[in-house]
C-alpha atoms as a PDB file:
ATOM      1  CA  MET A   1       4.972 -49.728 -19.787  1.00  0.00           C
ATOM      2  CA  GLY A   2       6.893 -52.332 -18.229  1.00  0.00           C
ATOM      3  CA  LYS A   3       6.485 -56.031 -17.262  1.00  0.00           C
ATOM      4  CA  SER A   4       4.936 -56.027 -13.669  1.00  0.00           C
ATOM      5  CA  PRO A   5       6.469 -58.707 -10.991  1.00  0.00           C
ATOM      6  CA  GLY A   6       3.621 -60.931 -11.908  1.00  0.00           C
ATOM      7  CA  GLY A   7       4.537 -61.070 -15.332  1.00  0.00           C
ATOM      8  CA  GLY A   8       1.484 -59.240 -16.491  1.00  0.00           C
ATOM      9  CA  ARG A   9       1.821 -55.452 -18.281  1.00  0.00           C
ATOM     10  CA  GLU A  10       2.067 -52.636 -15.889  1.00  0.00           C
ATOM     11  CA  GLU A  11      -0.278 -49.695 -16.890  1.00  0.00           C
ATOM     12  CA  ASP A  12       1.194 -46.181 -16.551  1.00  0.00           C
ATOM     13  CA  PRO A  13      -0.801 -44.701 -13.737  1.00  0.00           C
ATOM     14  CA  MET A  14      -0.192 -41.176 -15.158  1.00  0.00           C
ATOM     15  CA  GLY A  15      -1.428 -41.990 -18.658  1.00  0.00           C
ATOM     16  CA  THR A  16       0.051 -39.816 -21.771  1.00  0.00           C
ATOM     17  CA  VAL A  17       1.063 -36.261 -21.432  1.00  0.00           C
ATOM     18  CA  VAL A  18      -1.058 -34.310 -23.943  1.00  0.00           C
ATOM     19  CA  HIS A  19       0.544 -30.517 -22.951  1.00  0.00           C
ATOM     20  CA  THR A  20       3.304 -29.062 -21.112  1.00  0.00           C
ATOM     21  CA  SER A  21       2.531 -25.477 -20.127  1.00  0.00           C
ATOM     22  CA  ARG A  22       5.493 -23.323 -19.964  1.00  0.00           C
ATOM     23  CA  ILE A  23       4.832 -19.971 -18.112  1.00  0.00           C
ATOM     24  CA  SER A  24       7.053 -17.557 -16.246  1.00  0.00           C
ATOM     25  CA  ILE A  25       5.883 -15.131 -13.524  1.00  0.00           C
ATOM     26  CA  VAL A  26       7.892 -11.958 -12.469  1.00  0.00           C
ATOM     27  CA  ARG A  27       6.785  -9.758  -9.934  1.00  0.00           C
ATOM     28  CA  GLU A  28       6.186  -6.126 -11.307  1.00  0.00           C
ATOM     29  CA  LYS A  29       5.732  -4.075  -8.459  1.00  0.00           C
ATOM     30  CA  GLY A  30       3.822  -4.619  -5.040  1.00  0.00           C
ATOM     31  CA  PRO A  31       1.314  -7.323  -5.502  1.00  0.00           C
ATOM     32  CA  THR A  32       1.122  -7.187  -9.473  1.00  0.00           C
ATOM     33  CA  ARG A  33       2.863 -10.179 -11.179  1.00  0.00           C
ATOM     34  CA  ILE A  34       3.157 -10.774 -14.929  1.00  0.00           C
ATOM     35  CA  ALA A  35       2.878 -14.000 -16.295  1.00  0.00           C
ATOM     36  CA  ARG A  36       3.946 -15.237 -19.629  1.00  0.00           C
ATOM     37  CA  ILE A  37       2.390 -18.167 -21.453  1.00  0.00           C
ATOM     38  CA  GLU A  38       4.090 -19.757 -23.899  1.00  0.00           C
ATOM     39  CA  GLY A  39       2.186 -19.765 -27.453  1.00  0.00           C
ATOM     40  CA  PHE A  40       0.114 -16.109 -26.532  1.00  0.00           C
ATOM     41  CA  PRO A  41       1.459 -12.934 -27.469  1.00  0.00           C
ATOM     42  CA  GLU A  42      -0.010 -10.974 -24.758  1.00  0.00           C
ATOM     43  CA  PRO A  43       0.857 -11.221 -21.006  1.00  0.00           C
ATOM     44  CA  VAL A  44      -1.635 -12.053 -17.954  1.00  0.00           C
ATOM     45  CA  TYR A  45      -1.598  -9.749 -14.991  1.00  0.00           C
ATOM     46  CA  TYR A  46      -2.567 -11.186 -11.657  1.00  0.00           C
ATOM     47  CA  GLY A  47      -3.027  -8.847  -8.547  1.00  0.00           C
ATOM     48  CA  VAL A  48      -5.472  -8.145  -5.786  1.00  0.00           C
ATOM     49  CA  HIS A  49      -8.829  -6.826  -5.693  1.00  0.00           C
ATOM     50  CA  GLY A  50     -11.840  -6.196  -3.713  1.00  0.00           C
ATOM     51  CA  GLY A  51     -12.236  -8.312  -0.684  1.00  0.00           C
ATOM     52  CA  ILE A  52      -8.232  -9.829  -1.288  1.00  0.00           C
ATOM     53  CA  LYS A  53      -6.694  -6.240  -1.201  1.00  0.00           C
ATOM     54  CA  ASN A  54      -8.659  -5.588   2.120  1.00  0.00           C
ATOM     55  CA  PHE A  55      -7.752  -9.003   3.644  1.00  0.00           C
ATOM     56  CA  TYR A  56      -4.197  -8.093   2.748  1.00  0.00           C
ATOM     57  CA  LYS A  57      -4.157  -4.349   3.526  1.00  0.00           C
ATOM     58  CA  VAL A  58      -2.969  -3.236   0.574  1.00  0.00           C
ATOM     59  CA  GLU A  59      -3.943  -0.765  -2.204  1.00  0.00           C
ATOM     60  CA  PRO A  60      -2.663  -1.567  -5.268  1.00  0.00           C
ATOM     61  CA  GLU A  61      -2.244   0.888  -8.236  1.00  0.00           C
ATOM     62  CA  LYS A  62      -4.130  -1.051 -10.883  1.00  0.00           C
ATOM     63  CA  GLU A  63      -6.516  -3.799  -9.332  1.00  0.00           C
ATOM     64  CA  HIS A  64      -6.296  -7.439 -11.395  1.00  0.00           C
ATOM     65  CA  ALA A  65      -7.675 -10.617 -11.225  1.00  0.00           C
ATOM     66  CA  ALA A  66      -5.897 -12.697  -8.458  1.00  0.00           C
ATOM     67  CA  THR A  67      -4.619 -16.405  -9.050  1.00  0.00           C
ATOM     68  CA  LEU A  68      -7.228 -17.466  -6.954  1.00  0.00           C
ATOM     69  CA  ASP A  69      -9.827 -16.282  -9.328  1.00  0.00           C
ATOM     70  CA  HIS A  70      -8.388 -18.163 -12.408  1.00  0.00           C
ATOM     71  CA  ILE A  71      -8.369 -21.415 -10.298  1.00  0.00           C
ATOM     72  CA  VAL A  72     -12.094 -21.024  -9.135  1.00  0.00           C
ATOM     73  CA  GLY A  73     -12.819 -20.137 -12.966  1.00  0.00           C
ATOM     74  CA  ALA A  74     -10.889 -23.251 -14.179  1.00  0.00           C
ATOM     75  CA  VAL A  75     -12.799 -25.862 -12.040  1.00  0.00           C
ATOM     76  CA  SER A  76     -16.215 -24.120 -12.204  1.00  0.00           C
ATOM     77  CA  ALA A  77     -16.487 -24.204 -15.972  1.00  0.00           C
END
């Protein structure tokens, strides 16, 4: 925090960083992507399924949850 032009203390608008996610995502084949998340030994697979594969007109070798599924799940909890 620093001093504001008026002489008072300036608040940090972002607050304190409590965690930084370190993730690498690599395309494996077609719509399948592999995410490696620091601190977790197993990778997370992303891909397409159901209506999403129908919308994009793709037929993956194996269906996986889409990134959208994880986002919706995170905000629904």
